[in-house]
């Protein structure tokens, strides 16, 4: 039958019982001198044995290893703290006499003092680094938050009227008269003050494009996608915008005289002060439709 391994022990020294402790705690207490091989241990406080007879607790490899381990485990700093402290009560002094560890050699004291000084310098070094690192962390966090909230926009390329048709091109102030540009993609393009008079822009994408003040007279823009586009002040006289999608487009001050808006989608489109196809001027707050101010 396999013997059950004991993981918790009570210790008895000079009649005083303490515990329970793990195997590691008992072994460490033995190494630093709080316990001796002639002290007793028990798993149930009923049957007591000498530590010497418990191999897993008293199995020490050699004297050199014991010496090194004792120095590493001992929490004493090597300096006499009694001069800096008030004398303790008499009962504590009596208890200390019973539990006092064996005296140390000058070499052990010197080793412990050196270790204490090194640890003190290490802690001071860590404390000096702590607040600068905290400040650096918050600066980086703030920079990241600002970058997310206020992202830097990519620079707009300079106008180039020879650039082929495509998304994000810059045709500001370019003249493109009577061209066939149907089914093309001008998504995000810069087309301010450009001239497309009489051009075929059927089923062409102008999503997020900037067409402010563009001249779009007589153009065929039926079925075009103009969502989120800027058509502020654009000239759309007699333009064909039938079935075009103008959702969220801004047509403030645009001229739509005689333009064809049949079947077009005008959800949330802005028509503030725009001229409607019938020649009426739309009032401020014309969203999705033209609100005409009645003449008094």
C-alpha atoms as a PDB file:
ATOM      1  CA  UNK A   1       0.000   0.000   0.000  1.00  0.00           C
ATOM      2  CA  UNK A   2       1.407   3.389  -1.023  1.00  0.00           C
ATOM      3  CA  UNK A   3       2.245   5.677   1.853  1.00  0.00           C
ATOM      4  CA  UNK A   4       0.312   8.946   1.752  1.00  0.00           C
ATOM      5  CA  UNK A   5       2.545  11.988   1.264  1.00  0.00           C
ATOM      6  CA  UNK A   6       2.170  14.574   4.026  1.00  0.00           C
ATOM      7  CA  UNK A   7       2.098  18.220   2.891  1.00  0.00           C
ATOM      8  CA  UNK A   8       1.359  20.030   6.197  1.00  0.00           C
ATOM      9  CA  UNK A   9       3.307  19.695   9.440  1.00  0.00           C
ATOM     10  CA  UNK A  10       3.002  20.924  13.010  1.00  0.00           C
ATOM     11  CA  UNK A  11       6.273  21.634  14.801  1.00  0.00           C
ATOM     12  CA  UNK A  12       7.053  21.282  18.512  1.00  0.00           C
ATOM     13  CA  UNK A  13      10.052  22.918  20.105  1.00  0.00           C
ATOM     14  CA  UNK A  14      10.551  23.162  23.848  1.00  0.00           C
ATOM     15  CA  UNK A  15       6.911  22.168  24.293  1.00  0.00           C
ATOM     16  CA  UNK A  16       5.581  24.957  22.037  1.00  0.00           C
ATOM     17  CA  UNK A  17       3.461  23.750  19.073  1.00  0.00           C
ATOM     18  CA  UNK A  18       3.161  25.864  15.930  1.00  0.00           C
ATOM     19  CA  UNK A  19       1.813  25.286  12.438  1.00  0.00           C
ATOM     20  CA  UNK A  20       0.668  23.776  10.283  1.00  0.00           C
ATOM     21  CA  UNK A  21       3.455  24.586   7.803  1.00  0.00           C
ATOM     22  CA  UNK A  22       4.228  23.321   4.319  1.00  0.00           C
ATOM     23  CA  UNK A  23       7.268  21.145   3.633  1.00  0.00           C
ATOM     24  CA  UNK A  24       9.087  24.146   2.153  1.00  0.00           C
ATOM     25  CA  UNK A  25       8.480  26.349   5.225  1.00  0.00           C
ATOM     26  CA  UNK A  26       9.663  23.643   7.616  1.00  0.00           C
ATOM     27  CA  UNK A  27      12.790  23.013   5.520  1.00  0.00           C
ATOM     28  CA  UNK A  28      13.565  26.734   5.339  1.00  0.00           C
ATOM     29  CA  UNK A  29      13.113  27.136   9.107  1.00  0.00           C
ATOM     30  CA  UNK A  30      15.501  24.238   9.552  1.00  0.00           C
ATOM     31  CA  UNK A  31      18.044  25.821   7.233  1.00  0.00           C
ATOM     32  CA  UNK A  32      17.991  29.258   8.895  1.00  0.00           C
ATOM     33  CA  UNK A  33      18.178  27.792  12.390  1.00  0.00           C
ATOM     34  CA  UNK A  34      14.639  28.378  13.647  1.00  0.00           C
ATOM     35  CA  UNK A  35      14.339  24.603  13.932  1.00  0.00           C
ATOM     36  CA  UNK A  36      16.905  21.857  14.605  1.00  0.00           C
ATOM     37  CA  UNK A  37      16.998  18.219  13.558  1.00  0.00           C
ATOM     38  CA  UNK A  38      16.090  17.301  17.121  1.00  0.00           C
ATOM     39  CA  UNK A  39      12.849  19.274  17.138  1.00  0.00           C
ATOM     40  CA  UNK A  40       9.652  17.346  16.581  1.00  0.00           C
ATOM     41  CA  UNK A  41       7.057  17.378  13.791  1.00  0.00           C
ATOM     42  CA  UNK A  42       3.614  15.851  13.451  1.00  0.00           C
ATOM     43  CA  UNK A  43       0.908  15.701  10.808  1.00  0.00           C
ATOM     44  CA  UNK A  44      -1.951  15.349  13.314  1.00  0.00           C
ATOM     45  CA  UNK A  45      -0.530  16.671  16.634  1.00  0.00           C
ATOM     46  CA  UNK A  46      -0.902  13.134  17.976  1.00  0.00           C
ATOM     47  CA  UNK A  47       2.127  11.244  16.711  1.00  0.00           C
ATOM     48  CA  UNK A  48       5.408  13.170  16.951  1.00  0.00           C
ATOM     49  CA  UNK A  49       8.723  12.375  15.252  1.00  0.00           C
ATOM     50  CA  UNK A  50      12.128  13.968  15.217  1.00  0.00           C
ATOM     51  CA  UNK A  51      12.852  16.077  12.161  1.00  0.00           C
ATOM     52  CA  UNK A  52      15.944  13.934  11.739  1.00  0.00           C
ATOM     53  CA  UNK A  53      13.724  10.983  10.862  1.00  0.00           C
ATOM     54  CA  UNK A  54      11.738  12.751   8.100  1.00  0.00           C
ATOM     55  CA  UNK A  55      13.823  12.509   4.892  1.00  0.00           C
ATOM     56  CA  UNK A  56      11.776  14.998   2.832  1.00  0.00           C
ATOM     57  CA  UNK A  57      12.298  17.652   5.510  1.00  0.00           C
ATOM     58  CA  UNK A  58      15.869  16.959   6.586  1.00  0.00           C
ATOM     59  CA  UNK A  59      17.499  15.841   3.334  1.00  0.00           C
ATOM     60  CA  UNK A  60      20.319  18.407   3.133  1.00  0.00           C
ATOM     61  CA  UNK A  61      22.863  17.904   0.384  1.00  0.00           C
ATOM     62  CA  UNK A  62      26.089  19.286   1.825  1.00  0.00           C
ATOM     63  CA  UNK A  63      27.455  21.853   4.227  1.00  0.00           C
ATOM     64  CA  UNK A  64      28.406  24.341   1.533  1.00  0.00           C
ATOM     65  CA  UNK A  65      24.876  24.333   0.118  1.00  0.00           C
ATOM     66  CA  UNK A  66      23.399  24.722   3.587  1.00  0.00           C
ATOM     67  CA  UNK A  67      25.630  27.700   4.262  1.00  0.00           C
ATOM     68  CA  UNK A  68      24.681  29.407   1.004  1.00  0.00           C
ATOM     69  CA  UNK A  69      20.986  28.700   1.454  1.00  0.00           C
ATOM     70  CA  UNK A  70      20.974  30.021   5.006  1.00  0.00           C
ATOM     71  CA  UNK A  71      22.477  33.301   3.897  1.00  0.00           C
ATOM     72  CA  UNK A  72      19.927  33.691   1.095  1.00  0.00           C
ATOM     73  CA  UNK A  73      16.902  32.837   3.224  1.00  0.00           C
ATOM     74  CA  UNK A  74      17.852  34.836   6.297  1.00  0.00           C
ATOM     75  CA  UNK A  75      15.947  38.133   6.311  1.00  0.00           C
ATOM     76  CA  UNK A  76      18.335  39.876   8.723  1.00  0.00           C
ATOM     77  CA  UNK A  77      20.172  42.827   7.218  1.00  0.00           C
ATOM     78  CA  UNK A  78      23.481  42.408   9.090  1.00  0.00           C
ATOM     79  CA  UNK A  79      23.149  45.685  10.979  1.00  0.00           C
ATOM     80  CA  UNK A  80      22.361  45.978  14.691  1.00  0.00           C
ATOM     81  CA  UNK A  81      18.863  47.500  14.811  1.00  0.00           C
ATOM     82  CA  UNK A  82      18.575  47.331  18.595  1.00  0.00           C
ATOM     83  CA  UNK A  83      20.221  50.740  18.931  1.00  0.00           C
ATOM     84  CA  UNK A  84      17.485  52.312  16.832  1.00  0.00           C
ATOM     85  CA  UNK A  85      14.532  50.620  18.543  1.00  0.00           C
ATOM     86  CA  UNK A  86      12.872  50.952  21.894  1.00  0.00           C
ATOM     87  CA  UNK A  87      13.460  47.967  24.189  1.00  0.00           C
ATOM     88  CA  UNK A  88      10.601  45.428  23.888  1.00  0.00           C
ATOM     89  CA  UNK A  89       8.564  44.086  26.847  1.00  0.00           C
ATOM     90  CA  UNK A  90      10.180  41.509  29.139  1.00  0.00           C
ATOM     91  CA  UNK A  91       7.991  38.608  27.918  1.00  0.00           C
ATOM     92  CA  UNK A  92       9.091  39.194  24.333  1.00  0.00           C
ATOM     93  CA  UNK A  93      12.729  39.275  25.431  1.00  0.00           C
ATOM     94  CA  UNK A  94      12.275  35.933  27.165  1.00  0.00           C
ATOM     95  CA  UNK A  95      10.673  34.446  24.078  1.00  0.00           C
ATOM     96  CA  UNK A  96      13.496  35.759  21.899  1.00  0.00           C
ATOM     97  CA  UNK A  97      16.063  34.100  24.144  1.00  0.00           C
ATOM     98  CA  UNK A  98      14.349  30.798  23.514  1.00  0.00           C
ATOM     99  CA  UNK A  99      14.038  31.274  19.742  1.00  0.00           C
ATOM    100  CA  UNK A 100      17.343  33.072  19.197  1.00  0.00           C
ATOM    101  CA  UNK A 101      19.322  31.753  16.278  1.00  0.00           C
ATOM    102  CA  UNK A 102      22.934  30.678  16.565  1.00  0.00           C
ATOM    103  CA  UNK A 103      25.567  33.403  16.535  1.00  0.00           C
ATOM    104  CA  UNK A 104      27.001  34.482  13.189  1.00  0.00           C
ATOM    105  CA  UNK A 105      30.558  34.750  11.959  1.00  0.00           C
ATOM    106  CA  UNK A 106      32.042  38.062  10.821  1.00  0.00           C
ATOM    107  CA  UNK A 107      31.936  36.733   7.261  1.00  0.00           C
ATOM    108  CA  UNK A 108      28.181  36.095   7.449  1.00  0.00           C
ATOM    109  CA  UNK A 109      27.531  39.543   8.906  1.00  0.00           C
ATOM    110  CA  UNK A 110      29.625  41.191   6.184  1.00  0.00           C
ATOM    111  CA  UNK A 111      27.810  39.211   3.493  1.00  0.00           C
ATOM    112  CA  UNK A 112      24.410  40.206   4.898  1.00  0.00           C
ATOM    113  CA  UNK A 113      25.357  43.881   5.179  1.00  0.00           C
ATOM    114  CA  UNK A 114      26.581  43.906   1.572  1.00  0.00           C
ATOM    115  CA  UNK A 115      23.360  42.257   0.400  1.00  0.00           C
ATOM    116  CA  UNK A 116      21.282  44.808   2.327  1.00  0.00           C
ATOM    117  CA  UNK A 117      23.154  47.750   0.789  1.00  0.00           C
ATOM    118  CA  UNK A 118      22.784  46.322  -2.738  1.00  0.00           C
ATOM    119  CA  UNK A 119      19.051  45.760  -2.254  1.00  0.00           C
ATOM    120  CA  UNK A 120      18.654  49.279  -0.884  1.00  0.00           C
ATOM    121  CA  UNK A 121      20.402  50.760  -3.925  1.00  0.00           C
ATOM    122  CA  UNK A 122      18.299  48.629  -6.239  1.00  0.00           C
ATOM    123  CA  UNK A 123      15.058  49.813  -4.603  1.00  0.00           C
ATOM    124  CA  UNK A 124      16.195  53.449  -4.740  1.00  0.00           C
ATOM    125  CA  UNK A 125      17.032  53.019  -8.421  1.00  0.00           C
ATOM    126  CA  UNK A 126      13.584  51.549  -9.086  1.00  0.00           C
ATOM    127  CA  UNK A 127      11.915  54.425  -7.203  1.00  0.00           C
ATOM    128  CA  UNK A 128      13.854  56.991  -9.265  1.00  0.00           C
ATOM    129  CA  UNK A 129      12.662  55.327 -12.466  1.00  0.00           C
ATOM    130  CA  UNK A 130       9.037  54.834 -11.380  1.00  0.00           C
ATOM    131  CA  UNK A 131       7.643  58.364 -11.732  1.00  0.00           C
ATOM    132  CA  UNK A 132       9.446  59.191 -15.023  1.00  0.00           C
ATOM    133  CA  UNK A 133       8.068  55.954 -16.469  1.00  0.00           C
ATOM    134  CA  UNK A 134       4.566  56.788 -15.198  1.00  0.00           C
ATOM    135  CA  UNK A 135       4.827  60.276 -16.739  1.00  0.00           C
ATOM    136  CA  UNK A 136       6.074  58.815 -20.035  1.00  0.00           C
ATOM    137  CA  UNK A 137       3.171  56.337 -20.058  1.00  0.00           C
ATOM    138  CA  UNK A 138       0.585  59.095 -19.586  1.00  0.00           C
ATOM    139  CA  UNK A 139       2.224  61.264 -22.267  1.00  0.00           C
ATOM    140  CA  UNK A 140       2.090  58.350 -24.723  1.00  0.00           C
ATOM    141  CA  UNK A 141      -1.525  57.596 -23.727  1.00  0.00           C
ATOM    142  CA  UNK A 142      -2.494  61.255 -24.217  1.00  0.00           C
ATOM    143  CA  UNK A 143      -0.752  61.340 -27.604  1.00  0.00           C
ATOM    144  CA  UNK A 144      -2.617  58.214 -28.677  1.00  0.00           C
ATOM    145  CA  UNK A 145      -5.969  59.659 -27.576  1.00  0.00           C
ATOM    146  CA  UNK A 146      -5.287  62.921 -29.436  1.00  0.00           C
ATOM    147  CA  UNK A 147      -4.295  60.972 -32.542  1.00  0.00           C
ATOM    148  CA  UNK A 148      -7.597  59.073 -32.417  1.00  0.00           C
ATOM    149  CA  UNK A 149      -9.763  62.118 -31.665  1.00  0.00           C
ATOM    150  CA  UNK A 150      -7.915  64.515 -34.008  1.00  0.00           C
ATOM    151  CA  UNK A 151      -6.426  62.360 -36.770  1.00  0.00           C
ATOM    152  CA  UNK A 152      -4.025  64.024 -39.179  1.00  0.00           C
ATOM    153  CA  UNK A 153      -5.553  64.134 -42.616  1.00  0.00           C
ATOM    154  CA  UNK A 154      -3.465  62.948 -45.530  1.00  0.00           C
ATOM    155  CA  UNK A 155      -2.223  65.824 -47.677  1.00  0.00           C
ATOM    156  CA  UNK A 156      -4.347  66.552 -50.758  1.00  0.00           C
ATOM    157  CA  UNK A 157      -2.335  66.124 -53.961  1.00  0.00           C
ATOM    158  CA  UNK A 158      -1.822  69.183 -56.140  1.00  0.00           C
ATOM    159  CA  UNK A 159      -4.267  69.669 -59.017  1.00  0.00           C
ATOM    160  CA  UNK A 160      -3.292  67.786 -62.139  1.00  0.00           C
ATOM    161  CA  UNK A 161      -5.778  67.880 -64.997  1.00  0.00           C
ATOM    162  CA  UNK A 162      -3.869  65.146 -66.844  1.00  0.00           C
ATOM    163  CA  UNK A 163      -4.403  62.595 -64.072  1.00  0.00           C
ATOM    164  CA  UNK A 164      -6.516  59.639 -65.308  1.00  0.00           C
ATOM    165  CA  UNK A 165     -10.004  59.232 -63.868  1.00  0.00           C
ATOM    166  CA  UNK A 166      -9.991  57.470 -60.500  1.00  0.00           C
ATOM    167  CA  UNK A 167     -10.771  57.827 -56.800  1.00  0.00           C
ATOM    168  CA  UNK A 168      -9.168  60.710 -54.850  1.00  0.00           C
ATOM    169  CA  UNK A 169      -7.810  62.527 -57.910  1.00  0.00           C
ATOM    170  CA  UNK A 170      -7.424  66.305 -57.853  1.00  0.00           C
ATOM    171  CA  UNK A 171      -9.088  68.030 -60.801  1.00  0.00           C
ATOM    172  CA  UNK A 172      -9.692  71.325 -59.046  1.00  0.00           C
ATOM    173  CA  UNK A 173     -10.180  74.160 -61.585  1.00  0.00           C
ATOM    174  CA  UNK A 174      -9.896  71.724 -64.514  1.00  0.00           C
ATOM    175  CA  UNK A 175     -11.945  72.107 -67.689  1.00  0.00           C
ATOM    176  CA  UNK A 176     -13.561  68.838 -68.872  1.00  0.00           C
ATOM    177  CA  UNK A 177     -16.188  69.957 -71.381  1.00  0.00           C
ATOM    178  CA  UNK A 178     -18.523  67.566 -73.192  1.00  0.00           C
ATOM    179  CA  UNK A 179     -16.627  64.421 -72.172  1.00  0.00           C
ATOM    180  CA  UNK A 180     -18.049  60.915 -71.920  1.00  0.00           C
ATOM    181  CA  UNK A 181     -17.293  59.944 -68.313  1.00  0.00           C
ATOM    182  CA  UNK A 182     -20.173  57.579 -67.666  1.00  0.00           C
ATOM    183  CA  UNK A 183     -19.689  54.642 -65.267  1.00  0.00           C
ATOM    184  CA  UNK A 184     -16.522  56.225 -63.853  1.00  0.00           C
ATOM    185  CA  UNK A 185     -15.351  56.393 -60.236  1.00  0.00           C
ATOM    186  CA  UNK A 186     -14.627  59.819 -58.722  1.00  0.00           C
ATOM    187  CA  UNK A 187     -15.012  58.678 -55.103  1.00  0.00           C
ATOM    188  CA  UNK A 188     -13.320  61.181 -52.770  1.00  0.00           C
ATOM    189  CA  UNK A 189     -12.094  63.283 -55.691  1.00  0.00           C
ATOM    190  CA  UNK A 190     -11.273  67.018 -55.503  1.00  0.00           C
ATOM    191  CA  UNK A 191     -13.328  68.699 -58.266  1.00  0.00           C
ATOM    192  CA  UNK A 192     -13.797  72.259 -56.983  1.00  0.00           C
ATOM    193  CA  UNK A 193     -14.418  74.957 -59.596  1.00  0.00           C
ATOM    194  CA  UNK A 194     -14.090  72.342 -62.337  1.00  0.00           C
ATOM    195  CA  UNK A 195     -16.096  72.618 -65.575  1.00  0.00           C
ATOM    196  CA  UNK A 196     -18.054  69.610 -66.852  1.00  0.00           C
ATOM    197  CA  UNK A 197     -20.486  71.512 -69.080  1.00  0.00           C
ATOM    198  CA  UNK A 198     -22.392  69.114 -71.341  1.00  0.00           C
ATOM    199  CA  UNK A 199     -20.473  66.014 -70.137  1.00  0.00           C
ATOM    200  CA  UNK A 200     -21.998  62.549 -69.802  1.00  0.00           C
ATOM    201  CA  UNK A 201     -21.696  61.548 -66.130  1.00  0.00           C
ATOM    202  CA  UNK A 202     -24.381  58.874 -66.208  1.00  0.00           C
ATOM    203  CA  UNK A 203     -24.088  56.271 -63.410  1.00  0.00           C
ATOM    204  CA  UNK A 204     -20.830  57.803 -62.185  1.00  0.00           C
ATOM    205  CA  UNK A 205     -19.714  57.681 -58.524  1.00  0.00           C
ATOM    206  CA  UNK A 206     -19.073  61.003 -56.772  1.00  0.00           C
ATOM    207  CA  UNK A 207     -19.342  59.610 -53.231  1.00  0.00           C
ATOM    208  CA  UNK A 208     -17.511  61.929 -50.771  1.00  0.00           C
ATOM    209  CA  UNK A 209     -16.313  64.043 -53.703  1.00  0.00           C
ATOM    210  CA  UNK A 210     -15.863  67.830 -53.458  1.00  0.00           C
ATOM    211  CA  UNK A 211     -17.779  69.485 -56.337  1.00  0.00           C
ATOM    212  CA  UNK A 212     -18.215  72.863 -54.672  1.00  0.00           C
ATOM    213  CA  UNK A 213     -18.745  75.692 -57.217  1.00  0.00           C
ATOM    214  CA  UNK A 214     -18.328  73.237 -60.130  1.00  0.00           C
ATOM    215  CA  UNK A 215     -20.047  74.105 -63.438  1.00  0.00           C
ATOM    216  CA  UNK A 216     -22.306  71.148 -64.213  1.00  0.00           C
ATOM    217  CA  UNK A 217     -24.743  72.766 -66.638  1.00  0.00           C
ATOM    218  CA  UNK A 218     -26.402  70.483 -69.180  1.00  0.00           C
ATOM    219  CA  UNK A 219     -24.672  67.398 -67.750  1.00  0.00           C
ATOM    220  CA  UNK A 220     -26.256  63.964 -67.659  1.00  0.00           C
ATOM    221  CA  UNK A 221     -25.882  62.847 -64.038  1.00  0.00           C
ATOM    222  CA  UNK A 222     -28.812  60.452 -63.957  1.00  0.00           C
ATOM    223  CA  UNK A 223     -28.311  57.389 -61.751  1.00  0.00           C
ATOM    224  CA  UNK A 224     -25.105  58.909 -60.352  1.00  0.00           C
ATOM    225  CA  UNK A 225     -24.020  58.244 -56.773  1.00  0.00           C
ATOM    226  CA  UNK A 226     -23.534  61.578 -54.972  1.00  0.00           C
ATOM    227  CA  UNK A 227     -23.806  60.475 -51.342  1.00  0.00           C
ATOM    228  CA  UNK A 228     -21.965  62.782 -48.903  1.00  0.00           C
ATOM    229  CA  UNK A 229     -20.717  64.918 -51.776  1.00  0.00           C
ATOM    230  CA  UNK A 230     -20.186  68.682 -51.548  1.00  0.00           C
ATOM    231  CA  UNK A 231     -22.116  70.597 -54.205  1.00  0.00           C
ATOM    232  CA  UNK A 232     -22.086  73.954 -52.426  1.00  0.00           C
ATOM    233  CA  UNK A 233     -22.651  76.754 -54.942  1.00  0.00           C
ATOM    234  CA  UNK A 234     -22.527  74.322 -57.880  1.00  0.00           C
ATOM    235  CA  UNK A 235     -24.192  75.360 -61.154  1.00  0.00           C
ATOM    236  CA  UNK A 236     -26.622  72.561 -62.073  1.00  0.00           C
ATOM    237  CA  UNK A 237     -28.849  74.470 -64.507  1.00  0.00           C
ATOM    238  CA  UNK A 238     -30.688  72.051 -66.824  1.00  0.00           C
ATOM    239  CA  UNK A 239     -28.670  69.112 -65.434  1.00  0.00           C
ATOM    240  CA  UNK A 240     -30.280  65.675 -65.492  1.00  0.00           C
ATOM    241  CA  UNK A 241     -30.228  64.320 -61.897  1.00  0.00           C
ATOM    242  CA  UNK A 242     -33.030  61.824 -62.361  1.00  0.00           C
ATOM    243  CA  UNK A 243     -32.674  58.762 -60.129  1.00  0.00           C
ATOM    244  CA  UNK A 244     -29.405  60.108 -58.710  1.00  0.00           C
ATOM    245  CA  UNK A 245     -28.603  59.354 -55.059  1.00  0.00           C
ATOM    246  CA  UNK A 246     -28.046  62.676 -53.219  1.00  0.00           C
ATOM    247  CA  UNK A 247     -28.230  61.241 -49.694  1.00  0.00           C
ATOM    248  CA  UNK A 248     -26.400  63.536 -47.220  1.00  0.00           C
ATOM    249  CA  UNK A 249     -25.144  65.738 -50.064  1.00  0.00           C
ATOM    250  CA  UNK A 250     -24.674  69.460 -49.409  1.00  0.00           C
ATOM    251  CA  UNK A 251     -26.282  71.610 -52.146  1.00  0.00           C
ATOM    252  CA  UNK A 252     -26.356  74.870 -50.215  1.00  0.00           C
ATOM    253  CA  UNK A 253     -26.482  77.873 -52.618  1.00  0.00           C
ATOM    254  CA  UNK A 254     -26.540  75.482 -55.622  1.00  0.00           C
ATOM    255  CA  UNK A 255     -28.418  76.571 -58.763  1.00  0.00           C
ATOM    256  CA  UNK A 256     -30.861  73.845 -59.860  1.00  0.00           C
ATOM    257  CA  UNK A 257     -32.841  75.990 -62.301  1.00  0.00           C
ATOM    258  CA  UNK A 258     -34.675  73.708 -64.780  1.00  0.00           C
ATOM    259  CA  UNK A 259     -32.774  70.641 -63.453  1.00  0.00           C
ATOM    260  CA  UNK A 260     -34.447  67.227 -63.555  1.00  0.00           C
ATOM    261  CA  UNK A 261     -34.740  65.704 -60.046  1.00  0.00           C
ATOM    262  CA  UNK A 262     -37.325  63.059 -60.975  1.00  0.00           C
ATOM    263  CA  UNK A 263     -36.836  59.834 -58.997  1.00  0.00           C
ATOM    264  CA  UNK A 264     -33.742  61.160 -57.228  1.00  0.00           C
ATOM    265  CA  UNK A 265     -33.036  60.244 -53.610  1.00  0.00           C
ATOM    266  CA  UNK A 266     -32.801  63.341 -51.402  1.00  0.00           C
ATOM    267  CA  UNK A 267     -32.568  61.890 -47.868  1.00  0.00           C
ATOM    268  CA  UNK A 268     -30.856  64.425 -45.572  1.00  0.00           C
ATOM    269  CA  UNK A 269     -29.637  66.451 -48.542  1.00  0.00           C
ATOM    270  CA  UNK A 270     -29.078  70.128 -47.660  1.00  0.00           C
ATOM    271  CA  UNK A 271     -30.706  72.767 -49.896  1.00  0.00           C
ATOM    272  CA  UNK A 272     -30.160  75.908 -47.786  1.00  0.00           C
ATOM    273  CA  UNK A 273     -30.558  78.966 -50.067  1.00  0.00           C
ATOM    274  CA  UNK A 274     -30.422  76.760 -53.183  1.00  0.00           C
ATOM    275  CA  UNK A 275     -32.414  77.740 -56.277  1.00  0.00           C
ATOM    276  CA  UNK A 276     -35.030  75.052 -56.942  1.00  0.00           C
ATOM    277  CA  UNK A 277     -35.843  73.860 -60.502  1.00  0.00           C
ATOM    278  CA  UNK A 278     -38.912  76.122 -60.548  1.00  0.00           C
ATOM    279  CA  UNK A 279     -36.776  79.170 -59.723  1.00  0.00           C
ATOM    280  CA  UNK A 280     -37.823  79.453 -56.058  1.00  0.00           C
ATOM    281  CA  UNK A 281     -35.127  79.996 -53.422  1.00  0.00           C
ATOM    282  CA  UNK A 282     -35.047  77.454 -50.596  1.00  0.00           C
ATOM    283  CA  UNK A 283     -35.032  78.669 -47.017  1.00  0.00           C
ATOM    284  CA  UNK A 284     -32.493  77.883 -44.333  1.00  0.00           C
ATOM    285  CA  UNK A 285     -33.252  74.454 -42.845  1.00  0.00           C
ATOM    286  CA  UNK A 286     -34.276  72.842 -46.137  1.00  0.00           C
ATOM    287  CA  UNK A 287     -33.271  69.250 -45.464  1.00  0.00           C
ATOM    288  CA  UNK A 288     -34.364  66.564 -47.936  1.00  0.00           C
ATOM    289  CA  UNK A 289     -36.652  69.061 -49.679  1.00  0.00           C
ATOM    290  CA  UNK A 290     -36.946  72.717 -50.550  1.00  0.00           C
ATOM    291  CA  UNK A 291     -38.800  74.856 -48.045  1.00  0.00           C
ATOM    292  CA  UNK A 292     -39.958  77.951 -49.879  1.00  0.00           C
ATOM    293  CA  UNK A 293     -40.397  81.147 -47.899  1.00  0.00           C
ATOM    294  CA  UNK A 294     -43.806  82.582 -48.674  1.00  0.00           C
ATOM    295  CA  UNK A 295     -43.774  86.135 -49.903  1.00  0.00           C
ATOM    296  CA  UNK A 296     -45.613  88.537 -47.640  1.00  0.00           C
END
